[in-house]
Protein backbone atom coordinates (compact mmCIF):
# COMPACT_ATOMS: atom_id res chain seq x y z
CA MET A 1 -32.53 34.24 -25.00
CA TYR A 2 -29.99 32.13 -23.10
CA SER A 3 -32.33 31.52 -20.15
CA ILE A 4 -35.14 30.38 -22.45
CA ASN A 5 -32.87 27.67 -23.84
CA GLN A 6 -31.95 26.68 -20.26
CA GLU A 7 -35.51 26.51 -18.92
CA GLU A 8 -35.38 22.74 -18.39
CA TYR A 9 -32.25 23.03 -16.23
CA LEU A 10 -33.47 26.09 -14.33
CA LYS A 11 -36.61 24.19 -13.28
CA ALA A 12 -34.74 21.02 -12.23
CA PHE A 13 -35.54 21.62 -8.55
CA LEU A 14 -39.28 21.37 -9.34
CA ASN A 15 -39.03 17.77 -10.53
CA LYS A 16 -36.21 16.49 -8.34
CA GLY A 17 -36.59 17.03 -4.61
CA GLU A 18 -32.89 16.57 -3.89
CA VAL A 19 -31.91 19.57 -6.03
CA PRO A 20 -31.85 22.70 -3.83
CA ILE A 21 -33.63 25.83 -5.00
CA ASP A 22 -30.60 27.98 -4.13
CA ASP A 23 -26.87 27.55 -3.71
CA CYS A 24 -26.52 28.67 -0.09
CA ALA A 25 -24.96 25.34 0.95
CA SER A 26 -22.34 25.70 -1.77
CA GLU A 27 -21.61 29.27 -0.76
CA ARG A 28 -21.22 28.26 2.91
CA ALA A 29 -18.82 25.48 1.92
CA LEU A 30 -16.70 27.91 -0.09
CA ARG A 31 -16.62 30.58 2.61
CA ASN A 32 -13.77 28.90 4.55
CA PHE A 33 -11.84 28.54 1.34
CA THR A 34 -12.19 32.19 0.39
CA ILE A 35 -11.43 33.44 3.90
CA GLY A 36 -8.21 31.42 3.77
CA ARG A 37 -6.97 33.42 0.79
CA LYS A 38 -4.99 35.73 3.03
CA ASN A 39 -3.00 32.75 4.23
CA TRP A 40 -2.09 31.79 0.69
CA MET A 41 0.82 34.16 0.57
CA THR A 42 2.89 31.23 1.85
CA ILE A 43 1.72 29.00 -1.00
CA ASN A 44 4.22 29.92 -3.64
CA THR A 45 4.48 26.60 -5.48
CA VAL A 46 2.13 24.44 -7.49
CA ARG A 47 2.62 21.56 -5.05
CA GLY A 48 1.73 23.84 -2.14
CA ALA A 49 -1.45 24.92 -3.91
CA GLN A 50 -2.35 21.29 -4.66
CA ALA A 51 -1.79 20.31 -1.04
CA SER A 52 -3.96 23.21 0.10
CA ALA A 53 -6.74 22.22 -2.31
CA ILE A 54 -6.63 18.63 -1.06
CA ILE A 55 -6.91 19.57 2.60
CA TYR A 56 -9.73 22.04 1.89
CA SER A 57 -11.55 19.37 -0.09
CA ILE A 58 -11.19 16.82 2.72
CA THR A 59 -12.31 19.22 5.44
CA GLU A 60 -15.31 20.57 3.53
CA THR A 61 -16.43 17.06 2.54
CA ALA A 62 -16.15 16.01 6.19
CA ARG A 63 -18.24 19.03 7.22
CA ALA A 64 -20.82 18.26 4.54
CA ASN A 65 -21.13 14.76 6.04
CA ASN A 66 -21.53 16.18 9.57
CA LEU A 67 -18.23 14.81 10.83
CA ASN A 68 -15.93 16.23 13.46
CA VAL A 69 -13.19 17.42 11.12
CA TYR A 70 -10.37 17.19 13.69
CA TYR A 71 -11.07 13.56 14.57
CA TYR A 72 -11.75 12.60 10.96
CA ILE A 73 -8.39 13.95 9.76
CA LYS A 74 -6.70 12.31 12.77
CA HIS A 75 -8.31 9.01 11.74
CA LEU A 76 -7.17 9.45 8.11
CA LEU A 77 -3.60 10.23 9.15
CA THR A 78 -3.58 7.11 11.32
CA GLU A 79 -5.15 4.72 8.81
CA LEU A 80 -3.79 5.85 5.43
CA PRO A 81 -0.15 4.92 6.19
CA ARG A 82 -1.31 1.36 6.87
CA LEU A 83 -2.71 1.11 3.33
CA ILE A 84 0.44 2.18 1.48
CA ASN A 85 2.09 -0.63 -0.48
CA LYS A 86 5.84 -1.11 -0.99
CA ASN A 87 5.74 1.20 -4.03
CA GLY A 88 4.36 4.04 -1.92
CA ASN A 89 0.87 3.90 -3.44
CA ILE A 90 -2.54 3.12 -2.04
CA GLU A 91 -4.21 0.25 -3.83
CA GLN A 92 -7.30 1.03 -5.89
CA PRO A 93 -10.23 1.20 -5.46
CA VAL A 94 -10.20 3.97 -2.89
CA PRO A 95 -10.61 2.50 0.59
CA GLU A 96 -14.34 2.81 1.17
CA PRO A 97 -14.12 2.54 5.00
CA LEU A 98 -12.21 5.84 5.09
CA MET A 99 -14.73 7.82 3.06
CA PRO A 100 -16.62 10.48 5.06
CA TRP A 101 -19.95 8.76 4.37
CA SER A 102 -18.73 5.36 5.60
CA LYS A 103 -20.81 3.74 8.33
CA THR A 104 -17.65 2.18 9.82
CA LEU A 105 -15.93 5.40 10.94
CA PRO A 106 -15.06 5.63 14.65
CA ALA A 107 -17.67 7.25 16.89
CA ASP A 108 -15.49 10.29 17.64
CA CYS A 109 -15.39 11.12 13.91
CA CYS A 110 -19.17 11.02 13.69
CA SER A 111 -19.64 13.37 16.61
CA LYS A 112 -20.05 16.93 15.36
CA HIS A 113 -18.92 18.32 18.72
CA ARG A 114 -15.65 17.66 20.50
CA ASN A 115 -15.83 15.36 23.51
């Protein structure tokens, strides 16, 4: 009965070409996260778990945008400190040039393979 009520959503990929028919891309993105579980024994605080979630989110988003993750994170760690104001915050809106889909990223970030 549930699936009959969800028919419209289950057929979304038929009407919208950008909707994938399966979730293989999502599963691949989560694989690194789940493999890292064994390393989580050292994450024994909420702040540690939040930091881990942030770094996983950044690396997987970089991968999804076909970036070289090492050089992208190096670029972020170089540029983000320059954007911090005297209160220790980064001004809103989020700096668009640092987003993984930005066309202004350095060439080494956009190269999938190390040079």
